[in-house]
Protein backbone atom coordinates (compact mmCIF):
# COMPACT_ATOMS: atom_id res chain seq x y z
CA MET A 1 86.19 152.48 -71.36
CA THR A 2 89.98 152.46 -71.44
CA LEU A 3 92.09 149.53 -72.54
CA ALA A 4 95.79 148.96 -71.88
CA ALA A 5 98.32 146.24 -72.68
CA PHE A 6 101.56 145.44 -70.88
CA VAL A 7 104.54 143.21 -71.67
CA ALA A 8 106.50 141.54 -68.86
CA ASN A 9 110.27 141.60 -69.36
CA LYS A 10 111.13 139.63 -66.20
CA SER A 11 109.64 138.07 -63.07
CA GLY A 12 108.61 140.35 -60.23
CA GLN A 13 105.86 142.57 -58.93
CA VAL A 14 104.80 146.09 -59.95
CA GLN A 15 101.94 148.48 -59.18
CA VAL A 16 100.25 150.30 -62.06
CA THR A 17 98.34 153.41 -60.96
CA SER A 18 95.95 155.56 -62.98
CA MET A 19 94.17 158.77 -61.93
CA SER A 20 91.54 160.89 -63.67
CA GLY A 21 89.32 163.87 -62.99
CA PRO A 22 86.85 166.05 -64.88
CA LEU A 23 87.93 168.39 -67.68
CA CYS A 24 85.83 171.51 -67.14
CA PRO A 25 85.78 174.75 -69.15
CA SER A 26 87.29 177.79 -67.46
CA GLY A 27 84.74 179.67 -65.32
CA ALA A 28 82.13 176.88 -65.51
CA MET A 29 80.73 174.92 -62.57
CA CYS A 30 82.61 171.67 -62.24
CA PRO A 31 82.00 168.55 -60.10
CA MET A 32 84.76 167.86 -57.61
CA TYR A 33 85.58 164.20 -58.01
CA ALA A 34 88.61 162.09 -58.84
CA ILE A 35 88.95 158.50 -59.92
CA ALA A 36 91.93 156.44 -58.79
CA TYR A 37 92.76 152.88 -59.79
CA THR A 38 95.70 150.74 -58.66
CA LEU A 39 96.53 147.33 -60.06
CA THR A 40 99.19 145.05 -58.60
CA VAL A 41 100.73 142.69 -61.18
CA THR A 42 102.82 139.66 -60.18
CA VAL A 43 104.79 137.88 -62.92
CA THR A 44 106.15 134.39 -62.27
CA GLN A 45 108.02 131.98 -64.50
């Protein structure tokens, strides 16, 4: 689980994107997958 906190400085819209993949030792078999997550945040007054 990963947690994150953000502070809005003004009104508007922004996309927050996070990507991750496996950390495999050199020379070892490694699964080929990636995880991508995009969050669109809209701040209004």
